[in-house]
Amino acid sequence: MKKIINFKRKLAKFNDLWSPKIISEFNEQEIKLVKLKGDFVSHKHDKTDEVFIVLEGKLKIEFKDKIAELNKGEMIVIPSGEKHKPFSDEECKIILIERKNTINTGGEDHYLKSPNDIWI
């Protein structure tokens, strides 16, 4: 039987920020839920594209020459190798899709670096 995943129930299981939680995987990709607030580190992922889907709130992502603003129900695909810095003024809840075992800081040694194998 295929497993149905309820985002609201999964999001209720954690409160920590900037710490992606895996909810499923497919084809060497992981689907993660993340709660964000404040600034993250500017980083890039050399071996994977990254998909951000906003479930609640507003997510901003700073790039070299612009800032993208995503609202509830919107998404963006960030190509591998592109430096980006997510941030949010208020708590934002997102779905993140990226290659399995991707480090959230892109390998940068930063206090917000999270283990990449936390399942909920």
PDB file of N, CA and C in Angstrom:
ATOM      1  N   MET A   1       0.837  -1.184   0.000  1.00  0.00           N
ATOM      2  CA  MET A   1       0.000   0.000   0.000  1.00  0.00           C
ATOM      3  C   MET A   1       0.880   1.245   0.000  1.00  0.00           C
ATOM      4  N   LYS A   2       0.519   2.206  -0.776  1.00  0.00           N
ATOM      5  CA  LYS A   2       1.257   3.460  -0.834  1.00  0.00           C
ATOM      6  C   LYS A   2       0.958   4.291   0.404  1.00  0.00           C
ATOM      7  N   LYS A   3       1.971   4.972   0.907  1.00  0.00           N
ATOM      8  CA  LYS A   3       1.848   5.755   2.135  1.00  0.00           C
ATOM      9  C   LYS A   3       1.409   7.189   1.803  1.00  0.00           C
ATOM     10  N   ILE A   4       0.367   7.634   2.483  1.00  0.00           N
ATOM     11  CA  ILE A   4      -0.099   9.014   2.337  1.00  0.00           C
ATOM     12  C   ILE A   4       0.574   9.840   3.426  1.00  0.00           C
ATOM     13  N   ILE A   5       1.135  10.973   3.045  1.00  0.00           N
ATOM     14  CA  ILE A   5       1.856  11.835   3.984  1.00  0.00           C
ATOM     15  C   ILE A   5       1.082  13.133   4.151  1.00  0.00           C
ATOM     16  N   ASN A   6       0.792  13.472   5.387  1.00  0.00           N
ATOM     17  CA  ASN A   6       0.061  14.693   5.706  1.00  0.00           C
ATOM     18  C   ASN A   6       1.072  15.743   6.169  1.00  0.00           C
ATOM     19  N   PHE A   7       1.250  16.805   5.395  1.00  0.00           N
ATOM     20  CA  PHE A   7       2.249  17.832   5.718  1.00  0.00           C
ATOM     21  C   PHE A   7       1.984  18.489   7.065  1.00  0.00           C
ATOM     22  N   LYS A   8       0.728  18.810   7.330  1.00  0.00           N
ATOM     23  CA  LYS A   8       0.385  19.500   8.581  1.00  0.00           C
ATOM     24  C   LYS A   8       0.779  18.658   9.795  1.00  0.00           C
ATOM     25  N   ARG A   9       0.485  17.368   9.755  1.00  0.00           N
ATOM     26  CA  ARG A   9       0.852  16.483  10.877  1.00  0.00           C
ATOM     27  C   ARG A   9       2.362  16.362  11.020  1.00  0.00           C
ATOM     28  N   LYS A  10       3.045  16.248   9.917  1.00  0.00           N
ATOM     29  CA  LYS A  10       4.511  16.147   9.969  1.00  0.00           C
ATOM     30  C   LYS A  10       5.123  17.432  10.514  1.00  0.00           C
ATOM     31  N   LEU A  11       4.633  18.585  10.061  1.00  0.00           N
ATOM     32  CA  LEU A  11       5.161  19.867  10.543  1.00  0.00           C
ATOM     33  C   LEU A  11       4.919  20.057  12.038  1.00  0.00           C
ATOM     34  N   ALA A  12       3.861  19.476  12.567  1.00  0.00           N
ATOM     35  CA  ALA A  12       3.546  19.595  13.994  1.00  0.00           C
ATOM     36  C   ALA A  12       4.527  18.802  14.869  1.00  0.00           C
ATOM     37  N   LYS A  13       5.330  17.943  14.261  1.00  0.00           N
ATOM     38  CA  LYS A  13       6.250  17.095  15.019  1.00  0.00           C
ATOM     39  C   LYS A  13       7.577  17.766  15.373  1.00  0.00           C
ATOM     40  N   PHE A  14       7.818  18.977  14.850  1.00  0.00           N
ATOM     41  CA  PHE A  14       9.079  19.649  15.175  1.00  0.00           C
ATOM     42  C   PHE A  14       8.898  21.159  15.179  1.00  0.00           C
ATOM     43  N   ASN A  15       9.811  21.832  15.906  1.00  0.00           N
ATOM     44  CA  ASN A  15       9.775  23.296  15.992  1.00  0.00           C
ATOM     45  C   ASN A  15      11.098  23.941  15.603  1.00  0.00           C
ATOM     46  N   ASP A  16      12.160  23.152  15.478  1.00  0.00           N
ATOM     47  CA  ASP A  16      13.465  23.747  15.191  1.00  0.00           C
ATOM     48  C   ASP A  16      13.502  24.326  13.778  1.00  0.00           C
ATOM     49  N   LEU A  17      14.291  25.372  13.636  1.00  0.00           N
ATOM     50  CA  LEU A  17      14.412  26.099  12.374  1.00  0.00           C
ATOM     51  C   LEU A  17      15.653  25.670  11.612  1.00  0.00           C
ATOM     52  N   TRP A  18      15.589  25.766  10.291  1.00  0.00           N
ATOM     53  CA  TRP A  18      16.715  25.507   9.398  1.00  0.00           C
ATOM     54  C   TRP A  18      17.257  24.085   9.521  1.00  0.00           C
ATOM     55  N   SER A  19      16.413  23.154   9.929  1.00  0.00           N
ATOM     56  CA  SER A  19      16.820  21.766  10.095  1.00  0.00           C
ATOM     57  C   SER A  19      15.885  20.865   9.289  1.00  0.00           C
ATOM     58  N   PRO A  20      16.222  20.589   8.027  1.00  0.00           N
ATOM     59  CA  PRO A  20      15.338  19.813   7.152  1.00  0.00           C
ATOM     60  C   PRO A  20      15.045  18.419   7.705  1.00  0.00           C
ATOM     61  N   LYS A  21      13.783  18.022   7.587  1.00  0.00           N
ATOM     62  CA  LYS A  21      13.327  16.703   8.025  1.00  0.00           C
ATOM     63  C   LYS A  21      12.823  15.934   6.799  1.00  0.00           C
ATOM     64  N   ILE A  22      13.342  14.750   6.589  1.00  0.00           N
ATOM     65  CA  ILE A  22      12.966  13.944   5.428  1.00  0.00           C
ATOM     66  C   ILE A  22      11.608  13.297   5.680  1.00  0.00           C
ATOM     67  N   ILE A  23      10.733  13.400   4.683  1.00  0.00           N
ATOM     68  CA  ILE A  23       9.421  12.758   4.784  1.00  0.00           C
ATOM     69  C   ILE A  23       9.239  11.658   3.740  1.00  0.00           C
ATOM     70  N   SER A  24      10.063  11.653   2.694  1.00  0.00           N
ATOM     71  CA  SER A  24       9.985  10.623   1.666  1.00  0.00           C
ATOM     72  C   SER A  24      11.208  10.732   0.750  1.00  0.00           C
ATOM     73  N   GLU A  25      11.382   9.727  -0.083  1.00  0.00           N
ATOM     74  CA  GLU A  25      12.460   9.774  -1.079  1.00  0.00           C
ATOM     75  C   GLU A  25      12.024   9.032  -2.332  1.00  0.00           C
ATOM     76  N   PHE A  26      12.656   9.407  -3.434  1.00  0.00           N
ATOM     77  CA  PHE A  26      12.403   8.752  -4.719  1.00  0.00           C
ATOM     78  C   PHE A  26      13.578   9.033  -5.634  1.00  0.00           C
ATOM     79  N   ASN A  27      13.967   8.071  -6.457  1.00  0.00           N
ATOM     80  CA  ASN A  27      15.013   8.266  -7.472  1.00  0.00           C
ATOM     81  C   ASN A  27      16.214   9.053  -6.963  1.00  0.00           C
ATOM     82  N   GLU A  28      16.727   8.689  -5.800  1.00  0.00           N
ATOM     83  CA  GLU A  28      17.886   9.356  -5.192  1.00  0.00           C
ATOM     84  C   GLU A  28      17.616  10.808  -4.798  1.00  0.00           C
ATOM     85  N   GLN A  29      16.346  11.186  -4.725  1.00  0.00           N
ATOM     86  CA  GLN A  29      15.932  12.510  -4.276  1.00  0.00           C
ATOM     87  C   GLN A  29      15.239  12.384  -2.924  1.00  0.00           C
ATOM     88  N   GLU A  30      15.376  13.401  -2.095  1.00  0.00           N
ATOM     89  CA  GLU A  30      14.687  13.431  -0.813  1.00  0.00           C
ATOM     90  C   GLU A  30      13.687  14.584  -0.806  1.00  0.00           C
ATOM     91  N   ILE A  31      12.539  14.324  -0.199  1.00  0.00           N
ATOM     92  CA  ILE A  31      11.531  15.358   0.010  1.00  0.00           C
ATOM     93  C   ILE A  31      11.575  15.684   1.493  1.00  0.00           C
ATOM     94  N   LYS A  32      11.779  16.970   1.796  1.00  0.00           N
ATOM     95  CA  LYS A  32      11.985  17.393   3.181  1.00  0.00           C
ATOM     96  C   LYS A  32      11.023  18.516   3.543  1.00  0.00           C
ATOM     97  N   LEU A  33      10.697  18.590   4.815  1.00  0.00           N
ATOM     98  CA  LEU A  33       9.962  19.732   5.346  1.00  0.00           C
ATOM     99  C   LEU A  33      10.936  20.542   6.186  1.00  0.00           C
ATOM    100  N   VAL A  34      10.802  21.866   6.107  1.00  0.00           N
ATOM    101  CA  VAL A  34      11.695  22.760   6.847  1.00  0.00           C
ATOM    102  C   VAL A  34      10.895  23.958   7.333  1.00  0.00           C
ATOM    103  N   LYS A  35      11.201  24.388   8.550  1.00  0.00           N
ATOM    104  CA  LYS A  35      10.672  25.649   9.074  1.00  0.00           C
ATOM    105  C   LYS A  35      11.825  26.644   9.073  1.00  0.00           C
ATOM    106  N   LEU A  36      11.572  27.837   8.567  1.00  0.00           N
ATOM    107  CA  LEU A  36      12.610  28.853   8.417  1.00  0.00           C
ATOM    108  C   LEU A  36      12.183  30.149   9.087  1.00  0.00           C
ATOM    109  N   LYS A  37      13.149  30.867   9.617  1.00  0.00           N
ATOM    110  CA  LYS A  37      12.924  32.230  10.097  1.00  0.00           C
ATOM    111  C   LYS A  37      14.296  32.860  10.279  1.00  0.00           C
ATOM    112  N   GLY A  38      14.436  34.104   9.830  1.00  0.00           N
ATOM    113  CA  GLY A  38      15.723  34.784   9.916  1.00  0.00           C
ATOM    114  C   GLY A  38      16.571  34.492   8.688  1.00  0.00           C
ATOM    115  N   ASP A  39      17.874  34.656   8.854  1.00  0.00           N
ATOM    116  CA  ASP A  39      18.820  34.503   7.745  1.00  0.00           C
ATOM    117  C   ASP A  39      19.530  33.157   7.783  1.00  0.00           C
ATOM    118  N   PHE A  40      19.759  32.599   6.603  1.00  0.00           N
ATOM    119  CA  PHE A  40      20.580  31.399   6.460  1.00  0.00           C
ATOM    120  C   PHE A  40      21.917  31.821   5.873  1.00  0.00           C
ATOM    121  N   VAL A  41      22.812  30.894   5.719  1.00  0.00           N
ATOM    122  CA  VAL A  41      24.127  31.171   5.156  1.00  0.00           C
ATOM    123  C   VAL A  41      24.045  31.154   3.624  1.00  0.00           C
ATOM    124  N   SER A  42      24.800  32.039   2.987  1.00  0.00           N
ATOM    125  CA  SER A  42      24.911  32.022   1.537  1.00  0.00           C
ATOM    126  C   SER A  42      25.721  30.783   1.155  1.00  0.00           C
ATOM    127  N   HIS A  43      25.201  29.992   0.211  1.00  0.00           N
ATOM    128  CA  HIS A  43      25.851  28.727  -0.123  1.00  0.00           C
ATOM    129  C   HIS A  43      25.433  28.268  -1.522  1.00  0.00           C
ATOM    130  N   LYS A  44      26.014  27.155  -1.949  1.00  0.00           N
ATOM    131  CA  LYS A  44      25.629  26.540  -3.216  1.00  0.00           C
ATOM    132  C   LYS A  44      25.767  25.028  -3.078  1.00  0.00           C
ATOM    133  N   HIS A  45      25.118  24.325  -3.983  1.00  0.00           N
ATOM    134  CA  HIS A  45      25.207  22.868  -4.045  1.00  0.00           C
ATOM    135  C   HIS A  45      25.757  22.517  -5.422  1.00  0.00           C
ATOM    136  N   ASP A  46      26.954  21.952  -5.449  1.00  0.00           N
ATOM    137  CA  ASP A  46      27.616  21.679  -6.727  1.00  0.00           C
ATOM    138  C   ASP A  46      27.049  20.480  -7.471  1.00  0.00           C
ATOM    139  N   LYS A  47      26.368  19.558  -6.768  1.00  0.00           N
ATOM    140  CA  LYS A  47      25.941  18.318  -7.416  1.00  0.00           C
ATOM    141  C   LYS A  47      24.433  18.129  -7.484  1.00  0.00           C
ATOM    142  N   THR A  48      23.667  19.135  -7.120  1.00  0.00           N
ATOM    143  CA  THR A  48      22.214  18.963  -7.179  1.00  0.00           C
ATOM    144  C   THR A  48      21.483  20.284  -7.369  1.00  0.00           C
ATOM    145  N   ASP A  49      20.412  20.225  -8.131  1.00  0.00           N
ATOM    146  CA  ASP A  49      19.458  21.328  -8.153  1.00  0.00           C
ATOM    147  C   ASP A  49      18.683  21.250  -6.845  1.00  0.00           C
ATOM    148  N   GLU A  50      17.994  22.325  -6.507  1.00  0.00           N
ATOM    149  CA  GLU A  50      17.241  22.364  -5.264  1.00  0.00           C
ATOM    150  C   GLU A  50      15.887  23.007  -5.544  1.00  0.00           C
ATOM    151  N   VAL A  51      14.828  22.379  -5.044  1.00  0.00           N
ATOM    152  CA  VAL A  51      13.479  22.884  -5.248  1.00  0.00           C
ATOM    153  C   VAL A  51      12.934  23.376  -3.906  1.00  0.00           C
ATOM    154  N   PHE A  52      12.443  24.611  -3.877  1.00  0.00           N
ATOM    155  CA  PHE A  52      11.788  25.192  -2.708  1.00  0.00           C
ATOM    156  C   PHE A  52      10.322  25.392  -3.057  1.00  0.00           C
ATOM    157  N   ILE A  53       9.415  24.845  -2.231  1.00  0.00           N
ATOM    158  CA  ILE A  53       7.982  25.018  -2.403  1.00  0.00           C
ATOM    159  C   ILE A  53       7.442  25.600  -1.103  1.00  0.00           C
ATOM    160  N   VAL A  54       6.811  26.755  -1.164  1.00  0.00           N
ATOM    161  CA  VAL A  54       6.326  27.427   0.043  1.00  0.00           C
ATOM    162  C   VAL A  54       4.923  26.920   0.400  1.00  0.00           C
ATOM    163  N   LEU A  55       4.815  26.371   1.616  1.00  0.00           N
ATOM    164  CA  LEU A  55       3.525  25.909   2.137  1.00  0.00           C
ATOM    165  C   LEU A  55       2.823  27.001   2.932  1.00  0.00           C
ATOM    166  N   GLU A  56       3.592  27.732   3.736  1.00  0.00           N
ATOM    167  CA  GLU A  56       3.057  28.821   4.565  1.00  0.00           C
ATOM    168  C   GLU A  56       4.105  29.917   4.663  1.00  0.00           C
ATOM    169  N   GLY A  57       3.655  31.165   4.687  1.00  0.00           N
ATOM    170  CA  GLY A  57       4.559  32.290   4.866  1.00  0.00           C
ATOM    171  C   GLY A  57       5.144  32.803   3.573  1.00  0.00           C
ATOM    172  N   LYS A  58       6.205  33.577   3.712  1.00  0.00           N
ATOM    173  CA  LYS A  58       6.891  34.171   2.567  1.00  0.00           C
ATOM    174  C   LYS A  58       8.379  33.871   2.694  1.00  0.00           C
ATOM    175  N   LEU A  59       8.956  33.318   1.646  1.00  0.00           N
ATOM    176  CA  LEU A  59      10.381  32.996   1.592  1.00  0.00           C
ATOM    177  C   LEU A  59      11.070  33.956   0.634  1.00  0.00           C
ATOM    178  N   LYS A  60      12.203  34.467   1.052  1.00  0.00           N
ATOM    179  CA  LYS A  60      13.026  35.296   0.171  1.00  0.00           C
ATOM    180  C   LYS A  60      14.345  34.566  -0.043  1.00  0.00           C
ATOM    181  N   ILE A  61      14.854  34.648  -1.264  1.00  0.00           N
ATOM    182  CA  ILE A  61      16.141  34.034  -1.584  1.00  0.00           C
ATOM    183  C   ILE A  61      16.989  35.073  -2.296  1.00  0.00           C
ATOM    184  N   GLU A  62      18.138  35.363  -1.696  1.00  0.00           N
ATOM    185  CA  GLU A  62      19.059  36.336  -2.277  1.00  0.00           C
ATOM    186  C   GLU A  62      20.027  35.628  -3.213  1.00  0.00           C
ATOM    187  N   PHE A  63      20.117  36.165  -4.424  1.00  0.00           N
ATOM    188  CA  PHE A  63      21.073  35.695  -5.415  1.00  0.00           C
ATOM    189  C   PHE A  63      22.097  36.807  -5.647  1.00  0.00           C
ATOM    190  N   LYS A  64      23.053  36.563  -6.478  1.00  0.00           N
ATOM    191  CA  LYS A  64      24.109  37.540  -6.749  1.00  0.00           C
ATOM    192  C   LYS A  64      23.558  38.897  -7.180  1.00  0.00           C
ATOM    193  N   ASP A  65      22.516  38.886  -8.017  1.00  0.00           N
ATOM    194  CA  ASP A  65      22.032  40.145  -8.595  1.00  0.00           C
ATOM    195  C   ASP A  65      20.561  40.452  -8.337  1.00  0.00           C
ATOM    196  N   LYS A  66      19.894  39.638  -7.481  1.00  0.00           N
ATOM    197  CA  LYS A  66      18.471  39.900  -7.230  1.00  0.00           C
ATOM    198  C   LYS A  66      18.008  39.154  -5.986  1.00  0.00           C
ATOM    199  N   ILE A  67      16.804  39.482  -5.552  1.00  0.00           N
ATOM    200  CA  ILE A  67      16.150  38.764  -4.467  1.00  0.00           C
ATOM    201  C   ILE A  67      14.816  38.251  -4.997  1.00  0.00           C
ATOM    202  N   ALA A  68      14.609  36.939  -4.898  1.00  0.00           N
ATOM    203  CA  ALA A  68      13.336  36.338  -5.292  1.00  0.00           C
ATOM    204  C   ALA A  68      12.451  36.252  -4.058  1.00  0.00           C
ATOM    205  N   GLU A  69      11.174  36.595  -4.218  1.00  0.00           N
ATOM    206  CA  GLU A  69      10.201  36.501  -3.129  1.00  0.00           C
ATOM    207  C   GLU A  69       9.147  35.482  -3.513  1.00  0.00           C
ATOM    208  N   LEU A  70       9.003  34.449  -2.677  1.00  0.00           N
ATOM    209  CA  LEU A  70       8.037  33.394  -2.930  1.00  0.00           C
ATOM    210  C   LEU A  70       6.960  33.417  -1.856  1.00  0.00           C
ATOM    211  N   ASN A  71       5.720  33.343  -2.290  1.00  0.00           N
ATOM    212  CA  ASN A  71       4.569  33.305  -1.390  1.00  0.00           C
ATOM    213  C   ASN A  71       4.010  31.893  -1.321  1.00  0.00           C
ATOM    214  N   LYS A  72       3.086  31.689  -0.401  1.00  0.00           N
ATOM    215  CA  LYS A  72       2.402  30.410  -0.252  1.00  0.00           C
ATOM    216  C   LYS A  72       1.902  29.927  -1.613  1.00  0.00           C
ATOM    217  N   GLY A  73       2.202  28.666  -1.914  1.00  0.00           N
ATOM    218  CA  GLY A  73       1.753  28.087  -3.169  1.00  0.00           C
ATOM    219  C   GLY A  73       2.701  28.305  -4.334  1.00  0.00           C
ATOM    220  N   GLU A  74       3.866  28.924  -4.085  1.00  0.00           N
ATOM    221  CA  GLU A  74       4.843  29.163  -5.159  1.00  0.00           C
ATOM    222  C   GLU A  74       6.100  28.329  -4.934  1.00  0.00           C
ATOM    223  N   MET A  75       6.838  28.129  -6.016  1.00  0.00           N
ATOM    224  CA  MET A  75       8.075  27.353  -5.937  1.00  0.00           C
ATOM    225  C   MET A  75       9.144  27.950  -6.837  1.00  0.00           C
ATOM    226  N   ILE A  76      10.381  27.518  -6.571  1.00  0.00           N
ATOM    227  CA  ILE A  76      11.521  27.921  -7.394  1.00  0.00           C
ATOM    228  C   ILE A  76      12.489  26.748  -7.465  1.00  0.00           C
ATOM    229  N   VAL A  77      13.127  26.586  -8.616  1.00  0.00           N
ATOM    230  CA  VAL A  77      14.180  25.591  -8.785  1.00  0.00           C
ATOM    231  C   VAL A  77      15.504  26.345  -8.884  1.00  0.00           C
ATOM    232  N   ILE A  78      16.425  26.005  -7.999  1.00  0.00           N
ATOM    233  CA  ILE A  78      17.743  26.643  -8.014  1.00  0.00           C
ATOM    234  C   ILE A  78      18.724  25.648  -8.627  1.00  0.00           C
ATOM    235  N   PRO A  79      19.329  26.009  -9.762  1.00  0.00           N
ATOM    236  CA  PRO A  79      20.252  25.096 -10.429  1.00  0.00           C
ATOM    237  C   PRO A  79      21.513  24.831  -9.599  1.00  0.00           C
ATOM    238  N   SER A  80      22.069  23.657  -9.769  1.00  0.00           N
ATOM    239  CA  SER A  80      23.311  23.331  -9.062  1.00  0.00           C
ATOM    240  C   SER A  80      24.375  24.371  -9.394  1.00  0.00           C
ATOM    241  N   GLY A  81      25.174  24.684  -8.394  1.00  0.00           N
ATOM    242  CA  GLY A  81      26.267  25.638  -8.572  1.00  0.00           C
ATOM    243  C   GLY A  81      25.884  27.090  -8.390  1.00  0.00           C
ATOM    244  N   GLU A  82      24.587  27.407  -8.257  1.00  0.00           N
ATOM    245  CA  GLU A  82      24.167  28.799  -8.099  1.00  0.00           C
ATOM    246  C   GLU A  82      24.124  29.175  -6.617  1.00  0.00           C
ATOM    247  N   LYS A  83      24.906  30.183  -6.256  1.00  0.00           N
ATOM    248  CA  LYS A  83      24.954  30.646  -4.871  1.00  0.00           C
ATOM    249  C   LYS A  83      23.636  31.325  -4.512  1.00  0.00           C
ATOM    250  N   HIS A  84      23.125  31.000  -3.319  1.00  0.00           N
ATOM    251  CA  HIS A  84      21.850  31.553  -2.872  1.00  0.00           C
ATOM    252  C   HIS A  84      21.814  31.618  -1.351  1.00  0.00           C
ATOM    253  N   LYS A  85      20.992  32.544  -0.844  1.00  0.00           N
ATOM    254  CA  LYS A  85      20.857  32.740   0.607  1.00  0.00           C
ATOM    255  C   LYS A  85      19.376  32.896   0.942  1.00  0.00           C
ATOM    256  N   PRO A  86      18.759  31.821   1.455  1.00  0.00           N
ATOM    257  CA  PRO A  86      17.360  31.926   1.862  1.00  0.00           C
ATOM    258  C   PRO A  86      17.216  32.743   3.151  1.00  0.00           C
ATOM    259  N   PHE A  87      16.097  33.449   3.263  1.00  0.00           N
ATOM    260  CA  PHE A  87      15.786  34.142   4.508  1.00  0.00           C
ATOM    261  C   PHE A  87      14.298  34.428   4.563  1.00  0.00           C
ATOM    262  N   SER A  88      13.810  34.671   5.775  1.00  0.00           N
ATOM    263  CA  SER A  88      12.393  34.947   5.968  1.00  0.00           C
ATOM    264  C   SER A  88      12.225  35.801   7.215  1.00  0.00           C
ATOM    265  N   ASP A  89      11.420  36.859   7.104  1.00  0.00           N
ATOM    266  CA  ASP A  89      11.182  37.744   8.247  1.00  0.00           C
ATOM    267  C   ASP A  89      10.311  37.073   9.309  1.00  0.00           C
ATOM    268  N   GLU A  90       9.363  36.258   8.889  1.00  0.00           N
ATOM    269  CA  GLU A  90       8.469  35.520   9.781  1.00  0.00           C
ATOM    270  C   GLU A  90       8.646  34.032   9.499  1.00  0.00           C
ATOM    271  N   GLU A  91       8.145  33.201  10.396  1.00  0.00           N
ATOM    272  CA  GLU A  91       8.294  31.763  10.165  1.00  0.00           C
ATOM    273  C   GLU A  91       7.651  31.368   8.846  1.00  0.00           C
ATOM    274  N   CYS A  92       8.363  30.570   8.105  1.00  0.00           N
ATOM    275  CA  CYS A  92       7.951  30.098   6.792  1.00  0.00           C
ATOM    276  C   CYS A  92       8.101  28.576   6.786  1.00  0.00           C
ATOM    277  N   LYS A  93       7.141  27.878   6.213  1.00  0.00           N
ATOM    278  CA  LYS A  93       7.190  26.423   6.146  1.00  0.00           C
ATOM    279  C   LYS A  93       7.276  26.019   4.682  1.00  0.00           C
ATOM    280  N   ILE A  94       8.277  25.185   4.380  1.00  0.00           N
ATOM    281  CA  ILE A  94       8.514  24.831   2.982  1.00  0.00           C
ATOM    282  C   ILE A  94       8.724  23.332   2.796  1.00  0.00           C
ATOM    283  N   ILE A  95       8.556  22.919   1.552  1.00  0.00           N
ATOM    284  CA  ILE A  95       8.991  21.611   1.092  1.00  0.00           C
ATOM    285  C   ILE A  95      10.287  21.856   0.338  1.00  0.00           C
ATOM    286  N   LEU A  96      11.266  21.029   0.599  1.00  0.00           N
ATOM    287  CA  LEU A  96      12.559  21.105  -0.069  1.00  0.00           C
ATOM    288  C   LEU A  96      12.795  19.764  -0.758  1.00  0.00           C
ATOM    289  N   ILE A  97      13.150  19.798  -2.028  1.00  0.00           N
ATOM    290  CA  ILE A  97      13.460  18.572  -2.763  1.00  0.00           C
ATOM    291  C   ILE A  97      14.875  18.709  -3.301  1.00  0.00           C
ATOM    292  N   GLU A  98      15.709  17.724  -2.961  1.00  0.00           N
ATOM    293  CA  GLU A  98      17.109  17.754  -3.397  1.00  0.00           C
ATOM    294  C   GLU A  98      17.675  16.341  -3.371  1.00  0.00           C
ATOM    295  N   ARG A  99      18.846  16.190  -3.962  1.00  0.00           N
ATOM    296  CA  ARG A  99      19.501  14.891  -4.020  1.00  0.00           C
ATOM    297  C   ARG A  99      19.758  14.348  -2.621  1.00  0.00           C
ATOM    298  N   LYS A 100      19.642  13.051  -2.489  1.00  0.00           N
ATOM    299  CA  LYS A 100      19.873  12.366  -1.220  1.00  0.00           C
ATOM    300  C   LYS A 100      21.245  12.731  -0.651  1.00  0.00           C
ATOM    301  N   ASN A 101      21.297  12.936   0.657  1.00  0.00           N
ATOM    302  CA  ASN A 101      22.518  13.255   1.412  1.00  0.00           C
ATOM    303  C   ASN A 101      23.094  14.641   1.133  1.00  0.00           C
ATOM    304  N   THR A 102      22.275  15.553   0.649  1.00  0.00           N
ATOM    305  CA  THR A 102      22.730  16.926   0.425  1.00  0.00           C
ATOM    306  C   THR A 102      22.841  17.645   1.765  1.00  0.00           C
ATOM    307  N   ILE A 103      23.952  18.305   1.988  1.00  0.00           N
ATOM    308  CA  ILE A 103      24.170  19.073   3.218  1.00  0.00           C
ATOM    309  C   ILE A 103      23.522  20.442   3.057  1.00  0.00           C
ATOM    310  N   ASN A 104      22.717  20.848   4.035  1.00  0.00           N
ATOM    311  CA  ASN A 104      21.918  22.071   3.896  1.00  0.00           C
ATOM    312  C   ASN A 104      22.752  23.333   3.680  1.00  0.00           C
ATOM    313  N   THR A 105      23.970  23.375   4.178  1.00  0.00           N
ATOM    314  CA  THR A 105      24.814  24.565   4.001  1.00  0.00           C
ATOM    315  C   THR A 105      25.714  24.452   2.771  1.00  0.00           C
ATOM    316  N   GLY A 106      25.513  23.428   1.976  1.00  0.00           N
ATOM    317  CA  GLY A 106      26.353  23.230   0.800  1.00  0.00           C
ATOM    318  C   GLY A 106      27.767  22.828   1.178  1.00  0.00           C
ATOM    319  N   GLY A 107      27.970  22.382   2.395  1.00  0.00           N
ATOM    320  CA  GLY A 107      29.295  21.986   2.866  1.00  0.00           C
ATOM    321  C   GLY A 107      29.985  23.055   3.682  1.00  0.00           C
ATOM    322  N   GLU A 108      29.407  24.268   3.693  1.00  0.00           N
ATOM    323  CA  GLU A 108      29.977  25.347   4.497  1.00  0.00           C
ATOM    324  C   GLU A 108      29.931  24.956   5.970  1.00  0.00           C
ATOM    325  N   ASP A 109      31.005  25.228   6.696  1.00  0.00           N
ATOM    326  CA  ASP A 109      31.024  24.967   8.124  1.00  0.00           C
ATOM    327  C   ASP A 109      30.344  26.141   8.814  1.00  0.00           C
ATOM    328  N   HIS A 110      29.122  25.938   9.254  1.00  0.00           N
ATOM    329  CA  HIS A 110      28.307  27.011   9.796  1.00  0.00           C
ATOM    330  C   HIS A 110      27.470  26.456  10.935  1.00  0.00           C
ATOM    331  N   TYR A 111      27.133  27.282  11.899  1.00  0.00           N
ATOM    332  CA  TYR A 111      26.367  26.792  13.045  1.00  0.00           C
ATOM    333  C   TYR A 111      24.976  26.285  12.656  1.00  0.00           C
ATOM    334  N   LEU A 112      24.464  26.635  11.492  1.00  0.00           N
ATOM    335  CA  LEU A 112      23.162  26.145  11.046  1.00  0.00           C
ATOM    336  C   LEU A 112      23.260  24.860  10.220  1.00  0.00           C
ATOM    337  N   LYS A 113      24.474  24.319  10.098  1.00  0.00           N
ATOM    338  CA  LYS A 113      24.638  23.053   9.384  1.00  0.00           C
ATOM    339  C   LYS A 113      23.869  21.977  10.144  1.00  0.00           C
ATOM    340  N   SER A 114      23.021  21.260   9.419  1.00  0.00           N
ATOM    341  CA  SER A 114      22.136  20.279  10.029  1.00  0.00           C
ATOM    342  C   SER A 114      22.492  18.874   9.559  1.00  0.00           C
ATOM    343  N   PRO A 115      22.286  17.877  10.412  1.00  0.00           N
ATOM    344  CA  PRO A 115      22.426  16.500   9.928  1.00  0.00           C
ATOM    345  C   PRO A 115      21.489  16.299   8.748  1.00  0.00           C
ATOM    346  N   ASN A 116      21.915  15.521   7.773  1.00  0.00           N
ATOM    347  CA  ASN A 116      21.104  15.395   6.555  1.00  0.00           C
ATOM    348  C   ASN A 116      20.322  14.085   6.506  1.00  0.00           C
ATOM    349  N   ASP A 117      20.141  13.436   7.627  1.00  0.00           N
ATOM    350  CA  ASP A 117      19.454  12.136   7.596  1.00  0.00           C
ATOM    351  C   ASP A 117      18.376  12.028   8.688  1.00  0.00           C
ATOM    352  N   ILE A 118      17.711  13.121   8.982  1.00  0.00           N
ATOM    353  CA  ILE A 118      16.670  13.116  10.000  1.00  0.00           C
ATOM    354  C   ILE A 118      15.311  12.860   9.344  1.00  0.00           C
ATOM    355  N   TRP A 119      14.707  11.729   9.682  1.00  0.00           N
ATOM    356  CA  TRP A 119      13.384  11.367   9.170  1.00  0.00           C
ATOM    357  C   TRP A 119      12.314  11.667  10.209  1.00  0.00           C
ATOM    358  N   ILE A 120      11.160  12.131   9.762  1.00  0.00           N
ATOM    359  CA  ILE A 120      10.011  12.258  10.660  1.00  0.00           C
ATOM    360  C   ILE A 120       8.819  11.558  10.019  1.00  0.00           C
TER     361      ILE A 120
END
